C-alpha cells in the first residue's frame, strides 16, 4: 500500500474477522461437502477444527490462521491464493487510486 495513502483497506470488511469465509463456503458447497465433512477431513490432516469453528470462519466471526487456510485450501483442492483472490484484487485497485 502506498504510504501516502491514508485509506484503510480493512474498512470494507464491515466488521468481519477474515476475508476468506465466503470463498471457503463457496468452494466447500461446490465440492458438496457439509461443514461436518470438511471438519472431519481437517481432523484427518491433524488440524482440530470443529464444525462450529468452520461456521464462524465462513460467517466472518472468527479469524483464520495461515496454516488453517492452507489446510482448508488443500482439502478443497484449490490454492490459498484462490481464497484470497477477491481481496488481493481489491488491494491492488486501492493501491492504484
N, C-alpha and C. Protein backbone atom coordinates (compact mmCIF):
# COMPACT_ATOMS: atom_id res chain seq x y z
N UNK A 1 0.84 -1.17 0.00
CA UNK A 1 0.00 0.00 0.00
C UNK A 1 0.88 1.23 0.00
N UNK A 2 0.49 2.21 -0.71
CA UNK A 2 1.21 3.48 -0.78
C UNK A 2 1.20 4.15 0.58
N UNK A 3 2.36 4.50 1.10
CA UNK A 3 2.45 5.09 2.45
C UNK A 3 1.78 6.45 2.51
N UNK A 4 1.58 7.10 1.37
CA UNK A 4 0.90 8.40 1.36
C UNK A 4 -0.61 8.24 1.37
N UNK A 5 -1.07 7.04 1.17
CA UNK A 5 -2.49 6.78 1.13
C UNK A 5 -2.97 6.51 2.55
N UNK A 6 -3.83 7.35 3.05
CA UNK A 6 -4.32 7.19 4.42
C UNK A 6 -5.58 6.34 4.49
N UNK A 7 -6.05 5.83 3.37
CA UNK A 7 -7.25 5.00 3.36
C UNK A 7 -6.95 3.67 4.04
N UNK A 8 -7.93 3.17 4.71
CA UNK A 8 -7.80 1.91 5.42
C UNK A 8 -8.40 0.79 4.58
N UNK A 9 -7.59 -0.14 4.06
CA UNK A 9 -8.13 -1.21 3.21
C UNK A 9 -9.02 -2.18 3.98
N UNK A 10 -9.01 -2.11 5.29
CA UNK A 10 -9.80 -3.03 6.10
C UNK A 10 -11.19 -2.49 6.42
N UNK A 11 -11.46 -1.26 6.05
CA UNK A 11 -12.76 -0.65 6.33
C UNK A 11 -13.88 -1.37 5.60
N UNK A 12 -13.56 -1.96 4.46
CA UNK A 12 -14.57 -2.64 3.66
C UNK A 12 -14.95 -4.01 4.21
N UNK A 13 -14.32 -4.43 5.27
CA UNK A 13 -14.64 -5.74 5.85
C UNK A 13 -15.95 -5.73 6.63
N UNK A 14 -16.46 -4.56 6.95
CA UNK A 14 -17.75 -4.44 7.65
C UNK A 14 -17.78 -5.25 8.94
N UNK A 15 -16.69 -5.23 9.68
CA UNK A 15 -16.64 -5.93 10.96
C UNK A 15 -16.27 -7.39 10.88
N UNK A 16 -16.09 -7.93 9.69
CA UNK A 16 -15.71 -9.34 9.56
C UNK A 16 -14.27 -9.52 9.99
N UNK A 17 -13.97 -10.71 10.51
CA UNK A 17 -12.63 -11.00 11.02
C UNK A 17 -11.75 -11.74 10.01
N UNK A 18 -12.29 -12.01 8.82
CA UNK A 18 -11.47 -12.60 7.76
C UNK A 18 -12.07 -12.24 6.41
N UNK A 19 -11.29 -12.41 5.36
CA UNK A 19 -11.75 -12.09 4.01
C UNK A 19 -12.02 -13.35 3.19
N UNK A 20 -11.81 -14.51 3.76
CA UNK A 20 -11.91 -15.76 3.00
C UNK A 20 -13.15 -16.59 3.31
N UNK A 21 -13.89 -16.23 4.32
CA UNK A 21 -15.02 -17.05 4.76
C UNK A 21 -16.03 -17.36 3.68
N UNK A 22 -16.44 -16.34 2.94
CA UNK A 22 -17.44 -16.55 1.88
C UNK A 22 -16.88 -17.47 0.79
N UNK A 23 -15.60 -17.32 0.48
CA UNK A 23 -14.99 -18.18 -0.54
C UNK A 23 -14.84 -19.61 -0.05
N UNK A 24 -14.52 -19.78 1.22
CA UNK A 24 -14.46 -21.13 1.78
C UNK A 24 -15.82 -21.79 1.66
N UNK A 25 -16.86 -21.05 2.01
CA UNK A 25 -18.23 -21.57 1.90
C UNK A 25 -18.56 -21.93 0.45
N UNK A 26 -18.19 -21.06 -0.47
CA UNK A 26 -18.47 -21.30 -1.89
C UNK A 26 -17.80 -22.59 -2.38
N UNK A 27 -16.51 -22.72 -2.13
CA UNK A 27 -15.79 -23.90 -2.61
C UNK A 27 -16.20 -25.16 -1.85
N UNK A 28 -16.53 -25.04 -0.58
CA UNK A 28 -16.99 -26.20 0.18
C UNK A 28 -18.30 -26.73 -0.39
N UNK A 29 -19.24 -25.83 -0.64
CA UNK A 29 -20.53 -26.27 -1.19
C UNK A 29 -20.39 -26.75 -2.64
N UNK A 30 -19.46 -26.16 -3.37
CA UNK A 30 -19.20 -26.60 -4.75
C UNK A 30 -18.72 -28.05 -4.76
N UNK A 31 -17.96 -28.45 -3.74
CA UNK A 31 -17.49 -29.84 -3.63
C UNK A 31 -18.52 -30.74 -2.94
N UNK A 32 -19.67 -30.16 -2.60
CA UNK A 32 -20.73 -30.90 -1.91
C UNK A 32 -20.30 -31.44 -0.56
N UNK A 33 -19.43 -30.70 0.13
CA UNK A 33 -19.02 -31.07 1.48
C UNK A 33 -19.89 -30.32 2.48
N UNK A 34 -20.35 -31.03 3.47
CA UNK A 34 -21.00 -30.37 4.60
C UNK A 34 -19.91 -29.77 5.48
N UNK A 35 -20.31 -28.91 6.39
CA UNK A 35 -19.34 -28.35 7.33
C UNK A 35 -18.71 -29.49 8.13
N UNK A 36 -19.53 -30.47 8.52
CA UNK A 36 -19.00 -31.62 9.27
C UNK A 36 -18.00 -32.41 8.45
N UNK A 37 -18.26 -32.61 7.16
CA UNK A 37 -17.33 -33.35 6.32
C UNK A 37 -16.00 -32.61 6.19
N UNK A 38 -16.05 -31.29 6.03
CA UNK A 38 -14.82 -30.51 5.96
C UNK A 38 -14.06 -30.63 7.28
N UNK A 39 -14.78 -30.53 8.38
CA UNK A 39 -14.16 -30.67 9.70
C UNK A 39 -13.49 -32.04 9.84
N UNK A 40 -14.19 -33.09 9.44
CA UNK A 40 -13.63 -34.44 9.54
C UNK A 40 -12.35 -34.58 8.72
N UNK A 41 -12.34 -34.01 7.52
CA UNK A 41 -11.16 -34.08 6.66
C UNK A 41 -9.99 -33.30 7.26
N UNK A 42 -10.29 -32.16 7.88
CA UNK A 42 -9.24 -31.38 8.53
C UNK A 42 -8.67 -32.14 9.73
N UNK A 43 -9.54 -32.78 10.48
CA UNK A 43 -9.09 -33.57 11.63
C UNK A 43 -8.19 -34.72 11.16
N UNK A 44 -8.53 -35.31 10.00
CA UNK A 44 -7.70 -36.40 9.46
C UNK A 44 -6.30 -35.88 9.08
N UNK A 45 -6.21 -34.59 8.76
CA UNK A 45 -4.90 -33.98 8.46
C UNK A 45 -4.17 -33.56 9.73
N UNK A 46 -4.83 -33.70 10.87
CA UNK A 46 -4.21 -33.33 12.14
C UNK A 46 -4.56 -31.93 12.61
N UNK A 47 -5.52 -31.30 11.94
CA UNK A 47 -5.95 -29.95 12.32
C UNK A 47 -7.30 -30.05 13.00
N UNK A 48 -7.32 -29.81 14.29
CA UNK A 48 -8.53 -29.95 15.09
C UNK A 48 -9.41 -28.71 14.93
N UNK A 49 -10.14 -28.67 13.83
CA UNK A 49 -11.01 -27.53 13.52
C UNK A 49 -12.44 -28.06 13.41
N UNK A 50 -13.20 -27.83 14.45
CA UNK A 50 -14.55 -28.38 14.52
C UNK A 50 -15.53 -27.58 13.68
N UNK A 51 -16.68 -28.17 13.43
CA UNK A 51 -17.65 -27.55 12.53
C UNK A 51 -18.11 -26.18 13.00
N UNK A 52 -18.20 -25.96 14.30
CA UNK A 52 -18.59 -24.64 14.79
C UNK A 52 -17.54 -23.60 14.41
N UNK A 53 -16.28 -23.96 14.49
CA UNK A 53 -15.21 -23.05 14.08
C UNK A 53 -15.28 -22.74 12.59
N UNK A 54 -15.56 -23.76 11.79
CA UNK A 54 -15.70 -23.55 10.34
C UNK A 54 -16.88 -22.63 10.06
N UNK A 55 -17.98 -22.86 10.74
CA UNK A 55 -19.15 -21.99 10.58
C UNK A 55 -18.78 -20.54 10.92
N UNK A 56 -18.05 -20.34 12.01
CA UNK A 56 -17.65 -18.99 12.41
C UNK A 56 -16.69 -18.36 11.40
N UNK A 57 -15.80 -19.16 10.84
CA UNK A 57 -14.90 -18.65 9.80
C UNK A 57 -15.71 -18.24 8.58
N UNK A 58 -16.60 -19.11 8.12
CA UNK A 58 -17.39 -18.82 6.93
C UNK A 58 -18.29 -17.60 7.11
N UNK A 59 -18.74 -17.36 8.32
CA UNK A 59 -19.61 -16.20 8.57
C UNK A 59 -18.82 -14.94 8.92
N UNK A 60 -17.49 -15.06 8.96
CA UNK A 60 -16.65 -13.90 9.23
C UNK A 60 -16.55 -13.52 10.69
N UNK A 61 -16.95 -14.40 11.57
CA UNK A 61 -16.94 -14.11 13.01
C UNK A 61 -15.71 -14.66 13.72
N UNK A 62 -14.83 -15.30 12.97
CA UNK A 62 -13.61 -15.87 13.54
C UNK A 62 -12.46 -15.65 12.55
N UNK A 63 -11.30 -15.35 13.09
CA UNK A 63 -10.13 -15.24 12.24
C UNK A 63 -9.73 -16.64 11.77
N UNK A 64 -8.97 -16.67 10.71
CA UNK A 64 -8.45 -17.94 10.20
C UNK A 64 -6.94 -17.78 10.08
N UNK A 65 -6.21 -18.73 10.64
CA UNK A 65 -4.74 -18.64 10.61
C UNK A 65 -4.22 -19.11 9.26
N UNK A 66 -2.98 -18.80 9.01
CA UNK A 66 -2.38 -19.19 7.73
C UNK A 66 -2.35 -20.70 7.55
N UNK A 67 -2.02 -21.44 8.60
CA UNK A 67 -1.97 -22.91 8.47
C UNK A 67 -3.36 -23.50 8.31
N UNK A 68 -4.38 -22.88 8.93
CA UNK A 68 -5.76 -23.33 8.72
C UNK A 68 -6.18 -23.08 7.28
N UNK A 69 -5.85 -21.90 6.77
CA UNK A 69 -6.20 -21.55 5.40
C UNK A 69 -5.54 -22.51 4.41
N UNK A 70 -4.28 -22.83 4.64
CA UNK A 70 -3.57 -23.76 3.76
C UNK A 70 -4.20 -25.15 3.79
N UNK A 71 -4.58 -25.62 4.96
CA UNK A 71 -5.19 -26.95 5.07
C UNK A 71 -6.57 -26.98 4.43
N UNK A 72 -7.36 -25.93 4.65
CA UNK A 72 -8.69 -25.86 4.04
C UNK A 72 -8.56 -25.85 2.52
N UNK A 73 -7.65 -25.05 2.00
CA UNK A 73 -7.44 -24.98 0.55
C UNK A 73 -7.02 -26.34 0.01
N UNK A 74 -6.14 -27.03 0.72
CA UNK A 74 -5.68 -28.35 0.28
C UNK A 74 -6.86 -29.32 0.16
N UNK A 75 -7.72 -29.33 1.14
CA UNK A 75 -8.87 -30.23 1.12
C UNK A 75 -9.85 -29.85 0.01
N UNK A 76 -10.01 -28.56 -0.22
CA UNK A 76 -10.93 -28.10 -1.25
C UNK A 76 -10.30 -28.15 -2.65
N UNK A 77 -9.05 -28.61 -2.72
CA UNK A 77 -8.33 -28.77 -3.98
C UNK A 77 -8.18 -27.45 -4.74
N UNK A 78 -7.85 -26.40 -3.99
CA UNK A 78 -7.59 -25.08 -4.54
C UNK A 78 -6.36 -24.53 -3.84
N UNK A 79 -5.95 -23.34 -4.21
CA UNK A 79 -4.81 -22.71 -3.54
C UNK A 79 -5.31 -21.67 -2.55
N UNK A 80 -4.51 -21.37 -1.54
CA UNK A 80 -4.89 -20.28 -0.64
C UNK A 80 -5.09 -18.96 -1.40
N UNK A 81 -4.32 -18.77 -2.47
CA UNK A 81 -4.47 -17.55 -3.26
C UNK A 81 -5.86 -17.45 -3.88
N UNK A 82 -6.45 -18.58 -4.24
CA UNK A 82 -7.81 -18.55 -4.78
C UNK A 82 -8.81 -18.07 -3.72
N UNK A 83 -8.57 -18.43 -2.48
CA UNK A 83 -9.44 -17.98 -1.40
C UNK A 83 -9.26 -16.48 -1.13
N UNK A 84 -8.10 -15.96 -1.45
CA UNK A 84 -7.77 -14.55 -1.20
C UNK A 84 -7.90 -13.68 -2.45
N UNK A 85 -8.24 -14.25 -3.58
CA UNK A 85 -8.17 -13.55 -4.86
C UNK A 85 -8.96 -12.24 -4.89
N UNK A 86 -10.19 -12.26 -4.43
CA UNK A 86 -11.01 -11.05 -4.49
C UNK A 86 -10.41 -9.93 -3.65
N UNK A 87 -9.92 -10.25 -2.47
CA UNK A 87 -9.37 -9.22 -1.61
C UNK A 87 -8.02 -8.72 -2.14
N UNK A 88 -7.24 -9.62 -2.71
CA UNK A 88 -5.98 -9.20 -3.31
C UNK A 88 -6.25 -8.23 -4.45
N UNK A 89 -7.24 -8.52 -5.26
CA UNK A 89 -7.64 -7.62 -6.35
C UNK A 89 -8.07 -6.27 -5.78
N UNK A 90 -8.83 -6.29 -4.73
CA UNK A 90 -9.29 -5.06 -4.08
C UNK A 90 -8.10 -4.23 -3.60
N UNK A 91 -7.13 -4.86 -2.99
CA UNK A 91 -5.95 -4.14 -2.50
C UNK A 91 -5.17 -3.51 -3.65
N UNK A 92 -5.05 -4.24 -4.74
CA UNK A 92 -4.33 -3.70 -5.90
C UNK A 92 -5.06 -2.50 -6.48
N UNK A 93 -6.38 -2.60 -6.56
CA UNK A 93 -7.16 -1.47 -7.07
C UNK A 93 -7.05 -0.25 -6.16
N UNK A 94 -7.04 -0.48 -4.86
CA UNK A 94 -6.91 0.62 -3.91
C UNK A 94 -5.54 1.28 -4.01
N UNK A 95 -4.53 0.48 -4.28
CA UNK A 95 -3.17 1.00 -4.37
C UNK A 95 -2.98 1.83 -5.64
N UNK A 96 -3.75 1.50 -6.68
CA UNK A 96 -3.66 2.21 -7.95
C UNK A 96 -4.26 3.61 -7.83
N UNK A 97 -5.29 3.75 -7.03
CA UNK A 97 -6.00 5.03 -6.90
C UNK A 97 -5.17 6.14 -6.33
